[in-house]
Amino acid sequence: MTLMYWSIALPYKVSIGTGFMMGLLFDVLTGSLLGLNTLAFCIAAFLSHTLYSQIRNYLIWQQAGFILFFFLSMQLLMLWITQLASSTNTDYTYWFQALTSALLWPIAFATLRLTRRRFRVQ
């Protein structure tokens, strides 16, 4: 969510390269399948960067709906990739990550915007 916010707020400073580096770091730190989170973070940065002018004009609940749809799509992609690499079983709690991300988006958005304004990040 943080990467998506900064990609929307500062599209010319936070790009796909930032998503790649963050995803690679996340893969290494969590010990997950190398490239899995990198792909997800790159897609998140790409879509946020591509659609930033439209997303900025949405109301906060519409942005949360976009976040829900996006994270459900990413969860499905990551599930598909992990199923190809190894046979793991998932239950309904796997999908709660997308739901909680959408529910927490207004709080994260307000907090990060306050931080951006307080430190005058342009």
PDB file of N, CA and C in Angstrom:
ATOM      1  N   MET A   1       0.822  -1.182   0.000  1.00  0.00           N
ATOM      2  CA  MET A   1       0.000   0.000   0.000  1.00  0.00           C
ATOM      3  C   MET A   1       0.870   1.251   0.000  1.00  0.00           C
ATOM      4  N   THR A   2       1.966   1.200   0.723  1.00  0.00           N
ATOM      5  CA  THR A   2       2.860   2.352   0.779  1.00  0.00           C
ATOM      6  C   THR A   2       3.454   2.647  -0.589  1.00  0.00           C
ATOM      7  N   LEU A   3       3.876   1.610  -1.287  1.00  0.00           N
ATOM      8  CA  LEU A   3       4.416   1.791  -2.633  1.00  0.00           C
ATOM      9  C   LEU A   3       3.360   2.373  -3.562  1.00  0.00           C
ATOM     10  N   MET A   4       2.139   1.902  -3.450  1.00  0.00           N
ATOM     11  CA  MET A   4       1.077   2.426  -4.306  1.00  0.00           C
ATOM     12  C   MET A   4       0.790   3.886  -3.981  1.00  0.00           C
ATOM     13  N   TYR A   5       0.776   4.241  -2.703  1.00  0.00           N
ATOM     14  CA  TYR A   5       0.537   5.636  -2.351  1.00  0.00           C
ATOM     15  C   TYR A   5       1.616   6.541  -2.945  1.00  0.00           C
ATOM     16  N   TRP A   6       2.878   6.175  -2.743  1.00  0.00           N
ATOM     17  CA  TRP A   6       3.953   7.035  -3.230  1.00  0.00           C
ATOM     18  C   TRP A   6       4.001   7.053  -4.753  1.00  0.00           C
ATOM     19  N   SER A   7       3.590   5.976  -5.403  1.00  0.00           N
ATOM     20  CA  SER A   7       3.528   5.980  -6.868  1.00  0.00           C
ATOM     21  C   SER A   7       2.434   6.909  -7.365  1.00  0.00           C
ATOM     22  N   ILE A   8       1.358   7.022  -6.606  1.00  0.00           N
ATOM     23  CA  ILE A   8       0.267   7.924  -6.987  1.00  0.00           C
ATOM     24  C   ILE A   8       0.618   9.366  -6.634  1.00  0.00           C
ATOM     25  N   ALA A   9       1.201   9.575  -5.453  1.00  0.00           N
ATOM     26  CA  ALA A   9       1.505  10.930  -4.987  1.00  0.00           C
ATOM     27  C   ALA A   9       2.684  11.548  -5.727  1.00  0.00           C
ATOM     28  N   LEU A  10       3.725  10.772  -5.963  1.00  0.00           N
ATOM     29  CA  LEU A  10       4.935  11.263  -6.626  1.00  0.00           C
ATOM     30  C   LEU A  10       5.301  10.334  -7.784  1.00  0.00           C
ATOM     31  N   PRO A  11       4.534  10.367  -8.874  1.00  0.00           N
ATOM     32  CA  PRO A  11       4.754   9.393  -9.944  1.00  0.00           C
ATOM     33  C   PRO A  11       6.082   9.555 -10.674  1.00  0.00           C
ATOM     34  N   TYR A  12       6.701  10.709 -10.581  1.00  0.00           N
ATOM     35  CA  TYR A  12       7.958  10.913 -11.302  1.00  0.00           C
ATOM     36  C   TYR A  12       9.189  10.607 -10.449  1.00  0.00           C
ATOM     37  N   LYS A  13       8.970  10.339  -9.166  1.00  0.00           N
ATOM     38  CA  LYS A  13      10.077   9.978  -8.282  1.00  0.00           C
ATOM     39  C   LYS A  13      10.039   8.514  -7.870  1.00  0.00           C
ATOM     40  N   VAL A  14       8.851   7.959  -7.732  1.00  0.00           N
ATOM     41  CA  VAL A  14       8.683   6.555  -7.349  1.00  0.00           C
ATOM     42  C   VAL A  14       8.166   5.823  -8.581  1.00  0.00           C
ATOM     43  N   SER A  15       8.972   4.895  -9.078  1.00  0.00           N
ATOM     44  CA  SER A  15       8.633   4.258 -10.352  1.00  0.00           C
ATOM     45  C   SER A  15       8.712   2.746 -10.230  1.00  0.00           C
ATOM     46  N   ILE A  16       8.722   2.092 -11.369  1.00  0.00           N
ATOM     47  CA  ILE A  16       8.803   0.636 -11.422  1.00  0.00           C
ATOM     48  C   ILE A  16      10.138   0.157 -10.859  1.00  0.00           C
ATOM     49  N   GLY A  17      11.190   0.914 -11.067  1.00  0.00           N
ATOM     50  CA  GLY A  17      12.496   0.561 -10.503  1.00  0.00           C
ATOM     51  C   GLY A  17      12.458   0.521  -8.982  1.00  0.00           C
ATOM     52  N   THR A  18      11.742   1.452  -8.389  1.00  0.00           N
ATOM     53  CA  THR A  18      11.571   1.450  -6.938  1.00  0.00           C
ATOM     54  C   THR A  18      10.809   0.208  -6.501  1.00  0.00           C
ATOM     55  N   GLY A  19       9.762  -0.139  -7.247  1.00  0.00           N
ATOM     56  CA  GLY A  19       9.005  -1.348  -6.952  1.00  0.00           C
ATOM     57  C   GLY A  19       9.851  -2.594  -7.093  1.00  0.00           C
ATOM     58  N   PHE A  20      10.719  -2.609  -8.094  1.00  0.00           N
ATOM     59  CA  PHE A  20      11.600  -3.754  -8.298  1.00  0.00           C
ATOM     60  C   PHE A  20      12.549  -3.916  -7.125  1.00  0.00           C
ATOM     61  N   MET A  21      13.176  -2.832  -6.717  1.00  0.00           N
ATOM     62  CA  MET A  21      14.133  -2.897  -5.609  1.00  0.00           C
ATOM     63  C   MET A  21      13.442  -3.278  -4.290  1.00  0.00           C
ATOM     64  N   MET A  22      12.269  -2.695  -4.034  1.00  0.00           N
ATOM     65  CA  MET A  22      11.538  -3.027  -2.816  1.00  0.00           C
ATOM     66  C   MET A  22      11.088  -4.485  -2.830  1.00  0.00           C
ATOM     67  N   GLY A  23      10.618  -4.968  -3.977  1.00  0.00           N
ATOM     68  CA  GLY A  23      10.179  -6.353  -4.087  1.00  0.00           C
ATOM     69  C   GLY A  23      11.314  -7.333  -3.918  1.00  0.00           C
ATOM     70  N   LEU A  24      12.449  -7.018  -4.510  1.00  0.00           N
ATOM     71  CA  LEU A  24      13.619  -7.886  -4.377  1.00  0.00           C
ATOM     72  C   LEU A  24      14.099  -7.927  -2.927  1.00  0.00           C
ATOM     73  N   LEU A  25      14.125  -6.772  -2.280  1.00  0.00           N
ATOM     74  CA  LEU A  25      14.498  -6.715  -0.873  1.00  0.00           C
ATOM     75  C   LEU A  25      13.506  -7.494  -0.013  1.00  0.00           C
ATOM     76  N   PHE A  26      12.229  -7.365  -0.319  1.00  0.00           N
ATOM     77  CA  PHE A  26      11.193  -8.083   0.420  1.00  0.00           C
ATOM     78  C   PHE A  26      11.331  -9.596   0.232  1.00  0.00           C
ATOM     79  N   ASP A  27      11.639 -10.025  -0.989  1.00  0.00           N
ATOM     80  CA  ASP A  27      11.851 -11.454  -1.255  1.00  0.00           C
ATOM     81  C   ASP A  27      13.027 -11.994  -0.462  1.00  0.00           C
ATOM     82  N   VAL A  28      14.115 -11.253  -0.438  1.00  0.00           N
ATOM     83  CA  VAL A  28      15.313 -11.699   0.277  1.00  0.00           C
ATOM     84  C   VAL A  28      15.066 -11.730   1.782  1.00  0.00           C
ATOM     85  N   LEU A  29      14.414 -10.703   2.310  1.00  0.00           N
ATOM     86  CA  LEU A  29      14.191 -10.634   3.754  1.00  0.00           C
ATOM     87  C   LEU A  29      13.191 -11.668   4.257  1.00  0.00           C
ATOM     88  N   THR A  30      12.186 -11.991   3.455  1.00  0.00           N
ATOM     89  CA  THR A  30      11.177 -12.948   3.909  1.00  0.00           C
ATOM     90  C   THR A  30      11.518 -14.376   3.515  1.00  0.00           C
ATOM     91  N   GLY A  31      12.469 -14.568   2.633  1.00  0.00           N
ATOM     92  CA  GLY A  31      12.845 -15.907   2.214  1.00  0.00           C
ATOM     93  C   GLY A  31      11.822 -16.563   1.313  1.00  0.00           C
ATOM     94  N   SER A  32      11.020 -15.767   0.652  1.00  0.00           N
ATOM     95  CA  SER A  32      10.009 -16.321  -0.248  1.00  0.00           C
ATOM     96  C   SER A  32      10.634 -16.628  -1.604  1.00  0.00           C
ATOM     97  N   LEU A  33       9.837 -17.159  -2.478  1.00  0.00           N
ATOM     98  CA  LEU A  33      10.276 -17.486  -3.827  1.00  0.00           C
ATOM     99  C   LEU A  33      10.836 -16.226  -4.481  1.00  0.00           C
ATOM    100  N   LEU A  34      12.087 -16.283  -4.905  1.00  0.00           N
ATOM    101  CA  LEU A  34      12.764 -15.098  -5.433  1.00  0.00           C
ATOM    102  C   LEU A  34      12.063 -14.615  -6.706  1.00  0.00           C
ATOM    103  N   GLY A  35      11.627 -13.392  -6.683  1.00  0.00           N
ATOM    104  CA  GLY A  35      10.957 -12.789  -7.816  1.00  0.00           C
ATOM    105  C   GLY A  35       9.452 -12.708  -7.671  1.00  0.00           C
ATOM    106  N   LEU A  36       8.894 -13.407  -6.705  1.00  0.00           N
ATOM    107  CA  LEU A  36       7.445 -13.412  -6.529  1.00  0.00           C
ATOM    108  C   LEU A  36       6.936 -12.041  -6.105  1.00  0.00           C
ATOM    109  N   ASN A  37       7.463 -11.520  -5.025  1.00  0.00           N
ATOM    110  CA  ASN A  37       7.050 -10.190  -4.570  1.00  0.00           C
ATOM    111  C   ASN A  37       7.602  -9.098  -5.477  1.00  0.00           C
ATOM    112  N   THR A  38       8.721  -9.371  -6.120  1.00  0.00           N
ATOM    113  CA  THR A  38       9.272  -8.408  -7.067  1.00  0.00           C
ATOM    114  C   THR A  38       8.290  -8.181  -8.205  1.00  0.00           C
ATOM    115  N   LEU A  39       7.729  -9.243  -8.724  1.00  0.00           N
ATOM    116  CA  LEU A  39       6.735  -9.128  -9.788  1.00  0.00           C
ATOM    117  C   LEU A  39       5.510  -8.369  -9.308  1.00  0.00           C
ATOM    118  N   ALA A  40       5.028  -8.708  -8.123  1.00  0.00           N
ATOM    119  CA  ALA A  40       3.841  -8.037  -7.591  1.00  0.00           C
ATOM    120  C   ALA A  40       4.092  -6.550  -7.354  1.00  0.00           C
ATOM    121  N   PHE A  41       5.252  -6.210  -6.804  1.00  0.00           N
ATOM    122  CA  PHE A  41       5.567  -4.806  -6.545  1.00  0.00           C
ATOM    123  C   PHE A  41       5.754  -4.030  -7.849  1.00  0.00           C
ATOM    124  N   CYS A  42       6.363  -4.657  -8.846  1.00  0.00           N
ATOM    125  CA  CYS A  42       6.532  -3.987 -10.139  1.00  0.00           C
ATOM    126  C   CYS A  42       5.184  -3.730 -10.807  1.00  0.00           C
ATOM    127  N   ILE A  43       4.286  -4.698 -10.732  1.00  0.00           N
ATOM    128  CA  ILE A  43       2.948  -4.509 -11.311  1.00  0.00           C
ATOM    129  C   ILE A  43       2.202  -3.423 -10.545  1.00  0.00           C
ATOM    130  N   ALA A  44       2.336  -3.409  -9.224  1.00  0.00           N
ATOM    131  CA  ALA A  44       1.685  -2.373  -8.418  1.00  0.00           C
ATOM    132  C   ALA A  44       2.201  -0.988  -8.787  1.00  0.00           C
ATOM    133  N   ALA A  45       3.513  -0.859  -8.915  1.00  0.00           N
ATOM    134  CA  ALA A  45       4.093   0.442  -9.282  1.00  0.00           C
ATOM    135  C   ALA A  45       3.690   0.834 -10.698  1.00  0.00           C
ATOM    136  N   PHE A  46       3.657  -0.128 -11.607  1.00  0.00           N
ATOM    137  CA  PHE A  46       3.283   0.171 -12.984  1.00  0.00           C
ATOM    138  C   PHE A  46       1.834   0.650 -13.079  1.00  0.00           C
ATOM    139  N   LEU A  47       0.921  -0.086 -12.452  1.00  0.00           N
ATOM    140  CA  LEU A  47      -0.490   0.321 -12.520  1.00  0.00           C
ATOM    141  C   LEU A  47      -0.736   1.632 -11.790  1.00  0.00           C
ATOM    142  N   SER A  48      -0.087   1.823 -10.664  1.00  0.00           N
ATOM    143  CA  SER A  48      -0.241   3.087  -9.944  1.00  0.00           C
ATOM    144  C   SER A  48       0.311   4.248 -10.751  1.00  0.00           C
ATOM    145  N   HIS A  49       1.440   4.016 -11.391  1.00  0.00           N
ATOM    146  CA  HIS A  49       2.054   5.070 -12.203  1.00  0.00           C
ATOM    147  C   HIS A  49       1.223   5.358 -13.448  1.00  0.00           C
ATOM    148  N   THR A  50       0.676   4.323 -14.053  1.00  0.00           N
ATOM    149  CA  THR A  50      -0.118   4.495 -15.269  1.00  0.00           C
ATOM    150  C   THR A  50      -1.456   5.170 -14.974  1.00  0.00           C
ATOM    151  N   LEU A  51      -2.085   4.807 -13.876  1.00  0.00           N
ATOM    152  CA  LEU A  51      -3.428   5.293 -13.569  1.00  0.00           C
ATOM    153  C   LEU A  51      -3.468   6.387 -12.504  1.00  0.00           C
ATOM    154  N   TYR A  52      -2.320   6.978 -12.199  1.00  0.00           N
ATOM    155  CA  TYR A  52      -2.285   7.916 -11.071  1.00  0.00           C
ATOM    156  C   TYR A  52      -3.200   9.124 -11.269  1.00  0.00           C
ATOM    157  N   SER A  53      -3.328   9.622 -12.488  1.00  0.00           N
ATOM    158  CA  SER A  53      -4.174  10.807 -12.694  1.00  0.00           C
ATOM    159  C   SER A  53      -5.650  10.478 -12.483  1.00  0.00           C
ATOM    160  N   GLN A  54      -6.054   9.253 -12.775  1.00  0.00           N
ATOM    161  CA  GLN A  54      -7.439   8.860 -12.537  1.00  0.00           C
ATOM    162  C   GLN A  54      -7.675   8.528 -11.072  1.00  0.00           C
ATOM    163  N   ILE A  55      -6.750   7.815 -10.462  1.00  0.00           N
ATOM    164  CA  ILE A  55      -6.915   7.399  -9.066  1.00  0.00           C
ATOM    165  C   ILE A  55      -6.936   8.601  -8.135  1.00  0.00           C
ATOM    166  N   ARG A  56      -6.158   9.616  -8.447  1.00  0.00           N
ATOM    167  CA  ARG A  56      -6.119  10.823  -7.609  1.00  0.00           C
ATOM    168  C   ARG A  56      -7.471  11.516  -7.550  1.00  0.00           C
ATOM    169  N   ASN A  57      -8.261  11.407  -8.613  1.00  0.00           N
ATOM    170  CA  ASN A  57      -9.558  12.083  -8.670  1.00  0.00           C
ATOM    171  C   ASN A  57     -10.688  11.276  -8.056  1.00  0.00           C
ATOM    172  N   TYR A  58     -10.437  10.023  -7.706  1.00  0.00           N
ATOM    173  CA  TYR A  58     -11.463   9.197  -7.077  1.00  0.00           C
ATOM    174  C   TYR A  58     -11.668   9.620  -5.634  1.00  0.00           C
ATOM    175  N   LEU A  59     -12.858   9.367  -5.128  1.00  0.00           N
ATOM    176  CA  LEU A  59     -13.098   9.531  -3.704  1.00  0.00           C
ATOM    177  C   LEU A  59     -12.352   8.426  -2.965  1.00  0.00           C
ATOM    178  N   ILE A  60     -12.166   8.604  -1.677  1.00  0.00           N
ATOM    179  CA  ILE A  60     -11.354   7.663  -0.917  1.00  0.00           C
ATOM    180  C   ILE A  60     -11.956   6.267  -0.911  1.00  0.00           C
ATOM    181  N   TRP A  61     -13.273   6.137  -0.883  1.00  0.00           N
ATOM    182  CA  TRP A  61     -13.881   4.808  -0.899  1.00  0.00           C
ATOM    183  C   TRP A  61     -13.766   4.178  -2.277  1.00  0.00           C
ATOM    184  N   GLN A  62     -13.731   4.990  -3.337  1.00  0.00           N
ATOM    185  CA  GLN A  62     -13.503   4.452  -4.673  1.00  0.00           C
ATOM    186  C   GLN A  62     -12.062   3.983  -4.821  1.00  0.00           C
ATOM    187  N   GLN A  63     -11.147   4.715  -4.219  1.00  0.00           N
ATOM    188  CA  GLN A  63      -9.754   4.274  -4.210  1.00  0.00           C
ATOM    189  C   GLN A  63      -9.618   2.954  -3.453  1.00  0.00           C
ATOM    190  N   ALA A  64     -10.354   2.823  -2.344  1.00  0.00           N
ATOM    191  CA  ALA A  64     -10.319   1.574  -1.579  1.00  0.00           C
ATOM    192  C   ALA A  64     -10.873   0.420  -2.404  1.00  0.00           C
ATOM    193  N   GLY A  65     -11.878   0.673  -3.220  1.00  0.00           N
ATOM    194  CA  GLY A  65     -12.403  -0.357  -4.113  1.00  0.00           C
ATOM    195  C   GLY A  65     -11.374  -0.765  -5.149  1.00  0.00           C
ATOM    196  N   PHE A  66     -10.652   0.202  -5.683  1.00  0.00           N
ATOM    197  CA  PHE A  66      -9.568  -0.107  -6.619  1.00  0.00           C
ATOM    198  C   PHE A  66      -8.485  -0.936  -5.930  1.00  0.00           C
ATOM    199  N   ILE A  67      -8.144  -0.566  -4.706  1.00  0.00           N
ATOM    200  CA  ILE A  67      -7.132  -1.297  -3.940  1.00  0.00           C
ATOM    201  C   ILE A  67      -7.594  -2.731  -3.702  1.00  0.00           C
ATOM    202  N   LEU A  68      -8.868  -2.914  -3.365  1.00  0.00           N
ATOM    203  CA  LEU A  68      -9.398  -4.257  -3.146  1.00  0.00           C
ATOM    204  C   LEU A  68      -9.292  -5.094  -4.413  1.00  0.00           C
ATOM    205  N   PHE A  69      -9.736  -4.565  -5.525  1.00  0.00           N
ATOM    206  CA  PHE A  69      -9.661  -5.293  -6.794  1.00  0.00           C
ATOM    207  C   PHE A  69      -8.215  -5.603  -7.162  1.00  0.00           C
ATOM    208  N   PHE A  70      -7.344  -4.630  -6.981  1.00  0.00           N
ATOM    209  CA  PHE A  70      -5.941  -4.827  -7.327  1.00  0.00           C
ATOM    210  C   PHE A  70      -5.296  -5.902  -6.457  1.00  0.00           C
ATOM    211  N   PHE A  71      -5.504  -5.817  -5.143  1.00  0.00           N
ATOM    212  CA  PHE A  71      -4.875  -6.791  -4.256  1.00  0.00           C
ATOM    213  C   PHE A  71      -5.463  -8.187  -4.412  1.00  0.00           C
ATOM    214  N   LEU A  72      -6.738  -8.289  -4.733  1.00  0.00           N
ATOM    215  CA  LEU A  72      -7.302  -9.608  -5.027  1.00  0.00           C
ATOM    216  C   LEU A  72      -6.654 -10.202  -6.271  1.00  0.00           C
ATOM    217  N   SER A  73      -6.442  -9.376  -7.274  1.00  0.00           N
ATOM    218  CA  SER A  73      -5.767  -9.835  -8.493  1.00  0.00           C
ATOM    219  C   SER A  73      -4.335 -10.259  -8.196  1.00  0.00           C
ATOM    220  N   MET A  74      -3.633  -9.485  -7.380  1.00  0.00           N
ATOM    221  CA  MET A  74      -2.256  -9.835  -7.031  1.00  0.00           C
ATOM    222  C   MET A  74      -2.199 -11.107  -6.191  1.00  0.00           C
ATOM    223  N   GLN A  75      -3.142 -11.260  -5.266  1.00  0.00           N
ATOM    224  CA  GLN A  75      -3.189 -12.481  -4.465  1.00  0.00           C
ATOM    225  C   GLN A  75      -3.421 -13.698  -5.354  1.00  0.00           C
ATOM    226  N   LEU A  76      -4.295 -13.554  -6.335  1.00  0.00           N
ATOM    227  CA  LEU A  76      -4.562 -14.655  -7.258  1.00  0.00           C
ATOM    228  C   LEU A  76      -3.327 -14.986  -8.085  1.00  0.00           C
ATOM    229  N   LEU A  77      -2.632 -13.975  -8.573  1.00  0.00           N
ATOM    230  CA  LEU A  77      -1.407 -14.199  -9.335  1.00  0.00           C
ATOM    231  C   LEU A  77      -0.337 -14.867  -8.479  1.00  0.00           C
ATOM    232  N   MET A  78      -0.162 -14.392  -7.252  1.00  0.00           N
ATOM    233  CA  MET A  78       0.852 -14.973  -6.373  1.00  0.00           C
ATOM    234  C   MET A  78       0.488 -16.403  -5.976  1.00  0.00           C
ATOM    235  N   LEU A  79      -0.805 -16.664  -5.775  1.00  0.00           N
ATOM    236  CA  LEU A  79      -1.243 -18.019  -5.470  1.00  0.00           C
ATOM    237  C   LEU A  79      -0.953 -18.945  -6.644  1.00  0.00           C
ATOM    238  N   TRP A  80      -1.228 -18.477  -7.837  1.00  0.00           N
ATOM    239  CA  TRP A  80      -0.982 -19.280  -9.030  1.00  0.00           C
ATOM    240  C   TRP A  80       0.507 -19.613  -9.175  1.00  0.00           C
ATOM    241  N   ILE A  81       1.359 -18.626  -8.955  1.00  0.00           N
ATOM    242  CA  ILE A  81       2.803 -18.847  -9.082  1.00  0.00           C
ATOM    243  C   ILE A  81       3.307 -19.799  -7.999  1.00  0.00           C
ATOM    244  N   THR A  82       2.847 -19.631  -6.768  1.00  0.00           N
ATOM    245  CA  THR A  82       3.297 -20.535  -5.707  1.00  0.00           C
ATOM    246  C   THR A  82       2.758 -21.948  -5.908  1.00  0.00           C
ATOM    247  N   GLN A  83       1.578 -22.077  -6.504  1.00  0.00           N
ATOM    248  CA  GLN A  83       1.051 -23.404  -6.808  1.00  0.00           C
ATOM    249  C   GLN A  83       1.880 -24.090  -7.882  1.00  0.00           C
ATOM    250  N   LEU A  84       2.417 -23.319  -8.817  1.00  0.00           N
ATOM    251  CA  LEU A  84       3.295 -23.900  -9.841  1.00  0.00           C
ATOM    252  C   LEU A  84       4.624 -24.340  -9.245  1.00  0.00           C
ATOM    253  N   ALA A  85       5.131 -23.575  -8.298  1.00  0.00           N
ATOM    254  CA  ALA A  85       6.435 -23.886  -7.698  1.00  0.00           C
ATOM    255  C   ALA A  85       6.345 -25.014  -6.673  1.00  0.00           C
ATOM    256  N   SER A  86       5.311 -25.011  -5.873  1.00  0.00           N
ATOM    257  CA  SER A  86       5.133 -26.055  -4.860  1.00  0.00           C
ATOM    258  C   SER A  86       3.651 -26.187  -4.573  1.00  0.00           C
ATOM    259  N   SER A  87       3.267 -27.342  -4.128  1.00  0.00           N
ATOM    260  CA  SER A  87       1.840 -27.552  -3.852  1.00  0.00           C
ATOM    261  C   SER A  87       1.546 -27.163  -2.399  1.00  0.00           C
ATOM    262  N   THR A  88       1.016 -25.975  -2.239  1.00  0.00           N
ATOM    263  CA  THR A  88       0.620 -25.497  -0.923  1.00  0.00           C
ATOM    264  C   THR A  88      -0.879 -25.298  -0.909  1.00  0.00           C
ATOM    265  N   ASN A  89      -1.486 -25.542   0.228  1.00  0.00           N
ATOM    266  CA  ASN A  89      -2.918 -25.348   0.372  1.00  0.00           C
ATOM    267  C   ASN A  89      -3.183 -24.021   1.050  1.00  0.00           C
ATOM    268  N   THR A  90      -4.203 -23.338   0.583  1.00  0.00           N
ATOM    269  CA  THR A  90      -4.601 -22.081   1.199  1.00  0.00           C
ATOM    270  C   THR A  90      -6.064 -22.171   1.586  1.00  0.00           C
ATOM    271  N   ASP A  91      -6.432 -21.415   2.594  1.00  0.00           N
ATOM    272  CA  ASP A  91      -7.831 -21.375   3.001  1.00  0.00           C
ATOM    273  C   ASP A  91      -8.369 -19.959   2.802  1.00  0.00           C
ATOM    274  N   TYR A  92      -9.537 -19.722   3.321  1.00  0.00           N
ATOM    275  CA  TYR A  92     -10.184 -18.435   3.094  1.00  0.00           C
ATOM    276  C   TYR A  92      -9.431 -17.273   3.734  1.00  0.00           C
ATOM    277  N   THR A  93      -8.606 -17.509   4.731  1.00  0.00           N
ATOM    278  CA  THR A  93      -7.886 -16.417   5.387  1.00  0.00           C
ATOM    279  C   THR A  93      -6.827 -15.794   4.472  1.00  0.00           C
ATOM    280  N   TYR A  94      -6.424 -16.526   3.443  1.00  0.00           N
ATOM    281  CA  TYR A  94      -5.459 -15.999   2.477  1.00  0.00           C
ATOM    282  C   TYR A  94      -6.006 -14.745   1.802  1.00  0.00           C
ATOM    283  N   TRP A  95      -7.297 -14.697   1.584  1.00  0.00           N
ATOM    284  CA  TRP A  95      -7.921 -13.585   0.864  1.00  0.00           C
ATOM    285  C   TRP A  95      -8.215 -12.399   1.770  1.00  0.00           C
ATOM    286  N   PHE A  96      -8.090 -12.573   3.083  1.00  0.00           N
ATOM    287  CA  PHE A  96      -8.332 -11.467   4.010  1.00  0.00           C
ATOM    288  C   PHE A  96      -7.291 -10.367   3.880  1.00  0.00           C
ATOM    289  N   GLN A  97      -6.127 -10.687   3.353  1.00  0.00           N
ATOM    290  CA  GLN A  97      -5.088  -9.665   3.178  1.00  0.00           C
ATOM    291  C   GLN A  97      -5.575  -8.552   2.259  1.00  0.00           C
ATOM    292  N   ALA A  98      -6.247  -8.934   1.186  1.00  0.00           N
ATOM    293  CA  ALA A  98      -6.759  -7.933   0.251  1.00  0.00           C
ATOM    294  C   ALA A  98      -7.879  -7.122   0.893  1.00  0.00           C
ATOM    295  N   LEU A  99      -8.737  -7.788   1.634  1.00  0.00           N
ATOM    296  CA  LEU A  99      -9.844  -7.097   2.286  1.00  0.00           C
ATOM    297  C   LEU A  99      -9.342  -6.113   3.342  1.00  0.00           C
ATOM    298  N   THR A 100      -8.403  -6.532   4.160  1.00  0.00           N
ATOM    299  CA  THR A 100      -7.877  -5.623   5.174  1.00  0.00           C
ATOM    300  C   THR A 100      -7.088  -4.473   4.553  1.00  0.00           C
ATOM    301  N   SER A 101      -6.433  -4.721   3.425  1.00  0.00           N
ATOM    302  CA  SER A 101      -5.736  -3.631   2.735  1.00  0.00           C
ATOM    303  C   SER A 101      -6.723  -2.575   2.258  1.00  0.00           C
ATOM    304  N   ALA A 102      -7.839  -3.016   1.719  1.00  0.00           N
ATOM    305  CA  ALA A 102      -8.853  -2.069   1.259  1.00  0.00           C
ATOM    306  C   ALA A 102      -9.477  -1.311   2.427  1.00  0.00           C
ATOM    307  N   LEU A 103      -9.690  -2.003   3.535  1.00  0.00           N
ATOM    308  CA  LEU A 103     -10.277  -1.342   4.701  1.00  0.00           C
ATOM    309  C   LEU A 103      -9.307  -0.353   5.356  1.00  0.00           C
ATOM    310  N   LEU A 104      -8.024  -0.658   5.300  1.00  0.00           N
ATOM    311  CA  LEU A 104      -7.024   0.217   5.909  1.00  0.00           C
ATOM    312  C   LEU A 104      -6.512   1.307   4.966  1.00  0.00           C
ATOM    313  N   TRP A 105      -6.918   1.274   3.702  1.00  0.00           N
ATOM    314  CA  TRP A 105      -6.436   2.266   2.742  1.00  0.00           C
ATOM    315  C   TRP A 105      -6.737   3.702   3.179  1.00  0.00           C
ATOM    316  N   PRO A 106      -7.955   4.037   3.632  1.00  0.00           N
ATOM    317  CA  PRO A 106      -8.188   5.434   4.046  1.00  0.00           C
ATOM    318  C   PRO A 106      -7.257   5.893   5.162  1.00  0.00           C
ATOM    319  N   ILE A 107      -6.962   5.025   6.108  1.00  0.00           N
ATOM    320  CA  ILE A 107      -6.063   5.383   7.208  1.00  0.00           C
ATOM    321  C   ILE A 107      -4.638   5.550   6.699  1.00  0.00           C
ATOM    322  N   ALA A 108      -4.195   4.608   5.868  1.00  0.00           N
ATOM    323  CA  ALA A 108      -2.844   4.687   5.306  1.00  0.00           C
ATOM    324  C   ALA A 108      -2.703   5.921   4.420  1.00  0.00           C
ATOM    325  N   PHE A 109      -3.721   6.202   3.629  1.00  0.00           N
ATOM    326  CA  PHE A 109      -3.694   7.365   2.747  1.00  0.00           C
ATOM    327  C   PHE A 109      -3.577   8.655   3.544  1.00  0.00           C
ATOM    328  N   ALA A 110      -4.398   8.784   4.576  1.00  0.00           N
ATOM    329  CA  ALA A 110      -4.369  10.006   5.395  1.00  0.00           C
ATOM    330  C   ALA A 110      -3.037  10.147   6.133  1.00  0.00           C
ATOM    331  N   THR A 111      -2.528   9.054   6.652  1.00  0.00           N
ATOM    332  CA  THR A 111      -1.261   9.100   7.383  1.00  0.00           C
ATOM    333  C   THR A 111      -0.102   9.469   6.476  1.00  0.00           C
ATOM    334  N   LEU A 112      -0.038   8.845   5.309  1.00  0.00           N
ATOM    335  CA  LEU A 112       1.060   9.133   4.387  1.00  0.00           C
ATOM    336  C   LEU A 112       0.949  10.533   3.788  1.00  0.00           C
ATOM    337  N   ARG A 113      -0.272  11.003   3.554  1.00  0.00           N
ATOM    338  CA  ARG A 113      -0.423  12.368   3.048  1.00  0.00           C
ATOM    339  C   ARG A 113       0.004  13.381   4.106  1.00  0.00           C
ATOM    340  N   LEU A 114      -0.348  13.128   5.366  1.00  0.00           N
ATOM    341  CA  LEU A 114       0.083  14.010   6.453  1.00  0.00           C
ATOM    342  C   LEU A 114       1.604  14.019   6.564  1.00  0.00           C
ATOM    343  N   THR A 115       2.209  12.854   6.431  1.00  0.00           N
ATOM    344  CA  THR A 115       3.669  12.756   6.473  1.00  0.00           C
ATOM    345  C   THR A 115       4.297  13.510   5.314  1.00  0.00           C
ATOM    346  N   ARG A 116       3.725  13.353   4.130  1.00  0.00           N
ATOM    347  CA  ARG A 116       4.249  14.051   2.952  1.00  0.00           C
ATOM    348  C   ARG A 116       4.157  15.562   3.111  1.00  0.00           C
ATOM    349  N   ARG A 117       3.035  16.023   3.636  1.00  0.00           N
ATOM    350  CA  ARG A 117       2.860  17.471   3.822  1.00  0.00           C
ATOM    351  C   ARG A 117       3.718  18.009   4.959  1.00  0.00           C
ATOM    352  N   ARG A 118       3.858  17.243   6.024  1.00  0.00           N
ATOM    353  CA  ARG A 118       4.651  17.699   7.164  1.00  0.00           C
ATOM    354  C   ARG A 118       6.122  17.867   6.784  1.00  0.00           C
ATOM    355  N   PHE A 119       6.653  16.920   6.026  1.00  0.00           N
ATOM    356  CA  PHE A 119       8.056  16.982   5.641  1.00  0.00           C
ATOM    357  C   PHE A 119       8.267  17.654   4.281  1.00  0.00           C
ATOM    358  N   ARG A 120       7.192  18.182   3.712  1.00  0.00           N
ATOM    359  CA  ARG A 120       7.233  18.926   2.444  1.00  0.00           C
ATOM    360  C   ARG A 120       7.918  18.136   1.322  1.00  0.00           C
ATOM    361  N   VAL A 121       7.502  16.886   1.174  1.00  0.00           N
ATOM    362  CA  VAL A 121       8.054  16.041   0.122  1.00  0.00           C
ATOM    363  C   VAL A 121       7.373  16.411  -1.183  1.00  0.00           C
ATOM    364  N   GLN A 122       8.164  16.810  -2.154  1.00  0.00           N
ATOM    365  CA  GLN A 122       7.630  17.222  -3.458  1.00  0.00           C
ATOM    366  C   GLN A 122       8.160  16.361  -4.553  1.00  0.00           C
TER     367      GLN A 122
END
